[in-house]
Amino acid sequence: MPAIQLTVAERKAHRAEAHHLDPVVMVGNDGLTPAVKKEADHALNAHGLIKIRVLGDDREQREAMLQELAEELGAAPIQHIGKLLVLWRPKPAKEKPAAEDRKPGPREFKVIKNSSRGGQRPEVKNVRVLGNQRLTSGGKVKKSKPKQKSVKKRAG
């Protein structure tokens, strides 16, 4: 997968976002192992923008690691400063499972009760009604009655 090419302004914005991040992947003395690449891929899927700490002292080797990670993971190299590498890749959209058999969730109602004393402001109350509840005309929340079956259907 080729690395993503960003403009200077986009790279600058991602560098500013990454400033407060902590490294989520560590590259040890063994270098870029398949496990490190897999972990970096998972971190990019979860976060989008990640920092990687490299323990080696060779600057050219760290630069090569940054380019290799960017190429293999399809990410954009953002920054290489000291022993930290910053990579960015857009997060994939999460798929929500279609729940066709789900019932509607709680509903919010605004109940307005006039004051018993004249000239007072009416009392306004927000009430949450769950799926198994109903709101009476007086503004009270009651449990719904189960559906009643007809006498004829019960007998048959």
Protein backbone atom coordinates (compact mmCIF):
# COMPACT_ATOMS: atom_id res chain seq x y z
CA MET A 1 0.00 0.00 0.00
CA PRO A 2 1.62 3.34 -0.94
CA ALA A 3 2.08 6.05 1.67
CA ILE A 4 -0.44 8.89 1.80
CA GLN A 5 0.87 12.21 0.50
CA LEU A 6 -0.17 15.27 2.54
CA THR A 7 0.25 18.99 1.97
CA VAL A 8 2.49 21.01 4.25
CA ALA A 9 -0.53 22.58 5.99
CA GLU A 10 -2.14 19.17 6.65
CA ARG A 11 1.14 17.78 8.00
CA LYS A 12 1.52 20.84 10.23
CA ALA A 13 -2.01 20.40 11.65
CA HIS A 14 -1.39 16.70 12.39
CA ARG A 15 1.93 17.55 14.02
CA ALA A 16 0.13 19.97 16.35
CA GLU A 17 -2.48 17.30 17.22
CA ALA A 18 0.24 14.74 17.95
CA HIS A 19 2.12 17.03 20.33
CA HIS A 20 0.13 15.89 23.38
CA LEU A 21 0.00 12.20 22.48
CA ASP A 22 1.98 9.49 24.23
CA PRO A 23 3.73 6.72 22.25
CA VAL A 24 1.45 3.71 21.77
CA VAL A 25 3.92 1.44 19.95
CA MET A 26 7.52 0.69 20.97
CA VAL A 27 10.15 -0.63 18.54
CA GLY A 28 12.83 -2.57 20.41
CA ASN A 29 16.33 -3.65 19.45
CA ASP A 30 14.94 -6.29 17.06
CA GLY A 31 13.69 -3.55 14.73
CA LEU A 32 10.49 -3.76 12.71
CA THR A 33 9.16 -7.23 13.42
CA PRO A 34 5.79 -8.42 12.05
CA ALA A 35 4.36 -8.05 15.56
CA VAL A 36 5.38 -4.38 15.70
CA LYS A 37 3.83 -3.74 12.27
CA LYS A 38 0.63 -5.49 13.31
CA GLU A 39 0.42 -3.47 16.53
CA ALA A 40 1.01 -0.22 14.63
CA ASP A 41 -1.76 -1.17 12.19
CA HIS A 42 -4.19 -1.83 15.06
CA ALA A 43 -3.23 1.48 16.70
CA LEU A 44 -3.80 3.38 13.44
CA ASN A 45 -7.23 1.76 13.06
CA ALA A 46 -8.14 2.72 16.61
CA HIS A 47 -6.62 6.21 16.85
CA GLY A 48 -5.73 7.44 13.38
CA LEU A 49 -2.74 9.46 14.63
CA ILE A 50 -0.06 7.64 16.62
CA LYS A 51 3.42 8.09 18.05
CA ILE A 52 5.97 5.30 17.89
CA ARG A 53 9.08 5.21 20.12
CA VAL A 54 12.22 3.63 18.64
CA LEU A 55 14.97 2.47 20.99
CA GLY A 56 17.79 2.39 18.41
CA ASP A 57 20.41 5.18 18.21
CA ASP A 58 20.93 5.23 14.42
CA ARG A 59 19.06 8.19 12.87
CA GLU A 60 19.15 6.83 9.30
CA GLN A 61 17.72 3.53 10.51
CA ARG A 62 14.84 5.35 12.26
CA GLU A 63 14.16 7.36 9.10
CA ALA A 64 14.07 4.13 7.09
CA MET A 65 11.67 2.61 9.65
CA LEU A 66 9.34 5.60 9.30
CA GLN A 67 9.27 5.26 5.51
CA GLU A 68 8.83 1.48 5.64
CA LEU A 69 5.95 1.72 8.13
CA ALA A 70 4.27 4.42 6.06
CA GLU A 71 4.56 2.33 2.88
CA GLU A 72 3.40 -0.98 4.38
CA LEU A 73 0.54 0.44 6.45
CA GLY A 74 -0.69 2.98 3.89
CA ALA A 75 -0.12 5.86 6.30
CA ALA A 76 1.36 9.33 6.01
CA PRO A 77 4.69 10.03 7.74
CA ILE A 78 4.07 13.17 9.79
CA GLN A 79 7.20 13.71 11.86
CA HIS A 80 10.49 12.16 12.94
CA ILE A 81 11.89 13.96 15.95
CA GLY A 82 14.50 12.31 18.13
CA LYS A 83 13.44 8.75 18.81
CA LEU A 84 9.75 9.43 18.11
CA LEU A 85 7.97 8.72 14.84
CA VAL A 86 4.50 10.09 14.10
CA LEU A 87 2.17 8.41 11.59
CA TRP A 88 -1.35 9.32 10.43
CA ARG A 89 -3.99 7.38 8.55
CA PRO A 90 -7.72 8.22 8.39
CA LYS A 91 -9.75 6.05 10.73
CA PRO A 92 -12.05 3.58 8.97
CA ALA A 93 -15.77 4.20 9.40
CA LYS A 94 -17.34 1.98 12.02
CA GLU A 95 -20.14 -0.25 10.83
CA LYS A 96 -23.20 -0.35 13.05
CA PRO A 97 -25.13 -3.61 12.97
CA ALA A 98 -28.70 -3.21 11.80
CA ALA A 99 -30.96 -3.99 14.72
CA GLU A 100 -34.35 -4.41 13.08
CA ASP A 101 -35.95 -6.13 16.05
CA ARG A 102 -35.03 -3.37 18.52
CA LYS A 103 -37.82 -1.42 20.13
CA PRO A 104 -37.73 2.37 20.46
CA GLY A 105 -35.72 3.80 23.32
CA PRO A 106 -36.79 6.21 26.04
CA ARG A 107 -38.68 9.34 25.01
CA GLU A 108 -38.50 12.77 26.60
CA PHE A 109 -41.70 14.73 27.29
CA LYS A 110 -42.22 18.19 28.69
CA VAL A 111 -45.04 18.20 31.25
CA ILE A 112 -46.61 21.58 32.08
CA LYS A 113 -48.75 21.77 35.23
CA ASN A 114 -50.66 24.93 36.00
CA SER A 115 -50.24 26.25 39.51
CA SER A 116 -53.08 25.77 42.00
CA ARG A 117 -52.69 29.43 42.94
CA GLY A 118 -53.64 31.92 40.28
CA GLY A 119 -50.98 34.23 38.89
CA GLN A 120 -48.13 31.78 39.53
CA ARG A 121 -45.98 30.44 36.73
CA PRO A 122 -46.83 26.96 35.52
CA GLU A 123 -44.48 24.19 36.66
CA VAL A 124 -42.48 22.76 33.74
CA LYS A 125 -40.92 19.32 34.18
CA ASN A 126 -39.02 17.12 31.72
CA VAL A 127 -40.06 13.48 32.06
CA ARG A 128 -38.38 10.42 30.56
CA VAL A 129 -40.80 7.69 29.51
CA LEU A 130 -39.35 4.22 28.92
CA GLY A 131 -40.68 1.68 26.45
CA ASN A 132 -42.87 -0.11 29.02
CA GLN A 133 -44.36 3.09 30.46
CA ARG A 134 -46.98 5.63 29.43
CA LEU A 135 -47.76 9.21 30.33
CA THR A 136 -51.21 9.92 31.78
CA SER A 137 -53.17 13.07 31.02
CA GLY A 138 -52.28 14.34 34.51
CA GLY A 139 -48.57 14.14 33.72
CA LYS A 140 -47.79 11.01 35.72
CA VAL A 141 -45.72 8.11 34.43
CA LYS A 142 -47.41 4.71 34.75
CA LYS A 143 -46.54 1.22 33.67
CA SER A 144 -48.26 0.19 30.47
CA LYS A 145 -50.95 -2.40 30.72
CA PRO A 146 -50.34 -5.61 28.80
CA LYS A 147 -52.32 -5.96 25.60
CA GLN A 148 -55.63 -7.58 26.37
CA LYS A 149 -56.76 -10.39 24.14
CA SER A 150 -60.37 -10.65 23.17
CA VAL A 151 -62.61 -13.23 24.85
CA LYS A 152 -63.29 -14.88 21.51
CA LYS A 153 -59.58 -15.36 20.74
CA ARG A 154 -58.91 -16.83 24.19
CA ALA A 155 -61.69 -19.36 23.81
CA GLY A 156 -60.60 -20.49 20.33
